[in-house]
Amino acid sequence: MSQQSVAPENEQLLQDVRQVLANTEDLLRTAGDEGGEKLRELKNRIGANLSHAKTRLIEAEHALSGKAKAAAKATDQYVHDNPWKSIGIAAGIGLLLGMLISRR
């Protein structure tokens, strides 16, 4: 699988995780101070885990962004170093896609 096809899937995953974290924060805020001591303990643990998850998500976003930039830079460098090879590869992929589409 190419880096370009993986990036949208990873971005969607990050969006989903962000949404889950936001929903969990809202749930903790709306729960308020209801319940007893055990519920407060549980809310504190969930809050700590949520904070840790947010930190890890930010780190993952930075890592993913760095990898995507590095892949784009490497691809750009390859195309500049091997323009005819790149044109041949693109033409071959286009031909294969055309053949697959025409069969349907």
C-alpha atoms as a PDB file:
ATOM      1  CA  MET A   1       0.000   0.000   0.000  1.00  0.00           C
ATOM      2  CA  SER A   2       1.388   3.422  -0.884  1.00  0.00           C
ATOM      3  CA  GLN A   3       1.969   6.228   1.572  1.00  0.00           C
ATOM      4  CA  GLN A   4      -0.663   8.330  -0.200  1.00  0.00           C
ATOM      5  CA  SER A   5      -3.395   5.717   0.251  1.00  0.00           C
ATOM      6  CA  VAL A   6      -2.501   5.216   3.910  1.00  0.00           C
ATOM      7  CA  ALA A   7      -2.499   8.906   4.843  1.00  0.00           C
ATOM      8  CA  PRO A   8      -6.273   9.502   4.420  1.00  0.00           C
ATOM      9  CA  GLU A   9      -7.041   6.398   6.485  1.00  0.00           C
ATOM     10  CA  ASN A  10      -4.715   7.561   9.255  1.00  0.00           C
ATOM     11  CA  GLU A  11      -6.167  11.053   9.146  1.00  0.00           C
ATOM     12  CA  GLN A  12      -9.688   9.612   9.475  1.00  0.00           C
ATOM     13  CA  LEU A  13      -8.543   7.495  12.420  1.00  0.00           C
ATOM     14  CA  LEU A  14      -7.076  10.555  14.125  1.00  0.00           C
ATOM     15  CA  GLN A  15     -10.319  12.464  13.519  1.00  0.00           C
ATOM     16  CA  ASP A  16     -12.304   9.598  15.050  1.00  0.00           C
ATOM     17  CA  VAL A  17     -10.044   9.465  18.111  1.00  0.00           C
ATOM     18  CA  ARG A  18     -10.312  13.244  18.539  1.00  0.00           C
ATOM     19  CA  GLN A  19     -14.110  12.925  18.430  1.00  0.00           C
ATOM     20  CA  VAL A  20     -14.121  10.133  21.034  1.00  0.00           C
ATOM     21  CA  LEU A  21     -11.880  12.185  23.323  1.00  0.00           C
ATOM     22  CA  ALA A  22     -14.113  15.243  22.956  1.00  0.00           C
ATOM     23  CA  ASN A  23     -17.232  13.172  23.674  1.00  0.00           C
ATOM     24  CA  THR A  24     -15.602  11.651  26.755  1.00  0.00           C
ATOM     25  CA  GLU A  25     -14.630  15.096  28.040  1.00  0.00           C
ATOM     26  CA  ASP A  26     -18.218  16.268  27.550  1.00  0.00           C
ATOM     27  CA  LEU A  27     -19.503  13.213  29.392  1.00  0.00           C
ATOM     28  CA  LEU A  28     -17.198  13.871  32.338  1.00  0.00           C
ATOM     29  CA  ARG A  29     -18.251  17.529  32.478  1.00  0.00           C
ATOM     30  CA  THR A  30     -21.969  16.752  32.360  1.00  0.00           C
ATOM     31  CA  ALA A  31     -21.637  14.038  35.018  1.00  0.00           C
ATOM     32  CA  GLY A  32     -20.762  16.803  37.443  1.00  0.00           C
ATOM     33  CA  ASP A  33     -20.316  15.874  41.090  1.00  0.00           C
ATOM     34  CA  GLU A  34     -23.073  13.295  41.131  1.00  0.00           C
ATOM     35  CA  GLY A  35     -22.475  10.007  42.884  1.00  0.00           C
ATOM     36  CA  GLY A  36     -20.312   8.906  45.732  1.00  0.00           C
ATOM     37  CA  GLU A  37     -16.620   8.640  46.397  1.00  0.00           C
ATOM     38  CA  LYS A  38     -16.100   5.660  44.050  1.00  0.00           C
ATOM     39  CA  LEU A  39     -17.654   7.567  41.162  1.00  0.00           C
ATOM     40  CA  ARG A  40     -15.355  10.544  41.838  1.00  0.00           C
ATOM     41  CA  GLU A  41     -12.360   8.207  41.876  1.00  0.00           C
ATOM     42  CA  LEU A  42     -13.478   6.692  38.610  1.00  0.00           C
ATOM     43  CA  LYS A  43     -13.937  10.141  37.066  1.00  0.00           C
ATOM     44  CA  ASN A  44     -10.456  11.157  38.220  1.00  0.00           C
ATOM     45  CA  ARG A  45      -8.900   8.022  36.717  1.00  0.00           C
ATOM     46  CA  ILE A  46     -10.818   8.523  33.471  1.00  0.00           C
ATOM     47  CA  GLY A  47      -9.713  12.145  33.397  1.00  0.00           C
ATOM     48  CA  ALA A  48      -6.068  11.144  33.875  1.00  0.00           C
ATOM     49  CA  ASN A  49      -6.333   8.489  31.163  1.00  0.00           C
ATOM     50  CA  LEU A  50      -8.038  10.981  28.890  1.00  0.00           C
ATOM     51  CA  SER A  51      -5.247  13.483  29.414  1.00  0.00           C
ATOM     52  CA  HIS A  52      -2.662  10.797  28.654  1.00  0.00           C
ATOM     53  CA  ALA A  53      -4.563   9.758  25.509  1.00  0.00           C
ATOM     54  CA  LYS A  54      -4.693  13.352  24.290  1.00  0.00           C
ATOM     55  CA  THR A  55      -0.943  13.692  24.765  1.00  0.00           C
ATOM     56  CA  ARG A  56      -0.327  10.464  22.853  1.00  0.00           C
ATOM     57  CA  LEU A  57      -2.683  11.609  20.084  1.00  0.00           C
ATOM     58  CA  ILE A  58      -0.754  14.858  19.674  1.00  0.00           C
ATOM     59  CA  GLU A  59       2.507  12.896  19.511  1.00  0.00           C
ATOM     60  CA  ALA A  60       1.008  10.541  16.907  1.00  0.00           C
ATOM     61  CA  GLU A  61      -0.179  13.485  14.822  1.00  0.00           C
ATOM     62  CA  HIS A  62       3.305  15.011  14.845  1.00  0.00           C
ATOM     63  CA  ALA A  63       4.909  11.682  13.927  1.00  0.00           C
ATOM     64  CA  LEU A  64       2.411  11.062  11.138  1.00  0.00           C
ATOM     65  CA  SER A  65       2.875  14.547   9.798  1.00  0.00           C
ATOM     66  CA  GLY A  66       6.656  14.146   9.829  1.00  0.00           C
ATOM     67  CA  LYS A  67       6.477  10.807   8.028  1.00  0.00           C
ATOM     68  CA  ALA A  68       4.099  12.177   5.391  1.00  0.00           C
ATOM     69  CA  LYS A  69       6.402  15.149   4.751  1.00  0.00           C
ATOM     70  CA  ALA A  70       9.433  12.869   4.512  1.00  0.00           C
ATOM     71  CA  ALA A  71       7.646  10.556   2.066  1.00  0.00           C
ATOM     72  CA  ALA A  72       6.533  13.495  -0.073  1.00  0.00           C
ATOM     73  CA  LYS A  73      10.064  14.902  -0.091  1.00  0.00           C
ATOM     74  CA  ALA A  74      11.553  11.500  -1.023  1.00  0.00           C
ATOM     75  CA  THR A  75       9.015  11.064  -3.818  1.00  0.00           C
ATOM     76  CA  ASP A  76       9.721  14.551  -5.128  1.00  0.00           C
ATOM     77  CA  GLN A  77      13.461  13.888  -5.071  1.00  0.00           C
ATOM     78  CA  TYR A  78      13.019  10.554  -6.880  1.00  0.00           C
ATOM     79  CA  VAL A  79      10.892  12.138  -9.596  1.00  0.00           C
ATOM     80  CA  HIS A  80      13.463  14.894 -10.085  1.00  0.00           C
ATOM     81  CA  ASP A  81      16.326  12.383 -10.233  1.00  0.00           C
ATOM     82  CA  ASN A  82      14.478   9.915 -12.511  1.00  0.00           C
ATOM     83  CA  PRO A  83      11.961  11.838 -14.634  1.00  0.00           C
ATOM     84  CA  TRP A  84      11.691   9.295 -17.462  1.00  0.00           C
ATOM     85  CA  LYS A  85      11.358   6.369 -15.103  1.00  0.00           C
ATOM     86  CA  SER A  86       8.620   8.236 -13.251  1.00  0.00           C
ATOM     87  CA  ILE A  87       6.783   8.967 -16.501  1.00  0.00           C
ATOM     88  CA  GLY A  88       7.030   5.289 -17.475  1.00  0.00           C
ATOM     89  CA  ILE A  89       5.694   4.146 -14.099  1.00  0.00           C
ATOM     90  CA  ALA A  90       2.818   6.635 -14.258  1.00  0.00           C
ATOM     91  CA  ALA A  91       1.989   5.558 -17.819  1.00  0.00           C
ATOM     92  CA  GLY A  92       2.044   1.888 -16.807  1.00  0.00           C
ATOM     93  CA  ILE A  93      -0.258   2.498 -13.862  1.00  0.00           C
ATOM     94  CA  GLY A  94      -2.573   4.536 -16.096  1.00  0.00           C
ATOM     95  CA  LEU A  95      -2.648   1.744 -18.668  1.00  0.00           C
ATOM     96  CA  LEU A  96      -3.457  -0.876 -16.013  1.00  0.00           C
ATOM     97  CA  LEU A  97      -6.209   1.283 -14.514  1.00  0.00           C
ATOM     98  CA  GLY A  98      -7.622   1.907 -17.981  1.00  0.00           C
ATOM     99  CA  MET A  99      -7.694  -1.820 -18.714  1.00  0.00           C
ATOM    100  CA  LEU A 100      -9.397  -2.550 -15.380  1.00  0.00           C
ATOM    101  CA  ILE A 101     -11.987   0.140 -15.877  1.00  0.00           C
ATOM    102  CA  SER A 102     -12.741  -0.898 -19.458  1.00  0.00           C
ATOM    103  CA  ARG A 103     -13.509  -4.477 -18.339  1.00  0.00           C
ATOM    104  CA  ARG A 104     -16.458  -3.360 -16.246  1.00  0.00           C
END
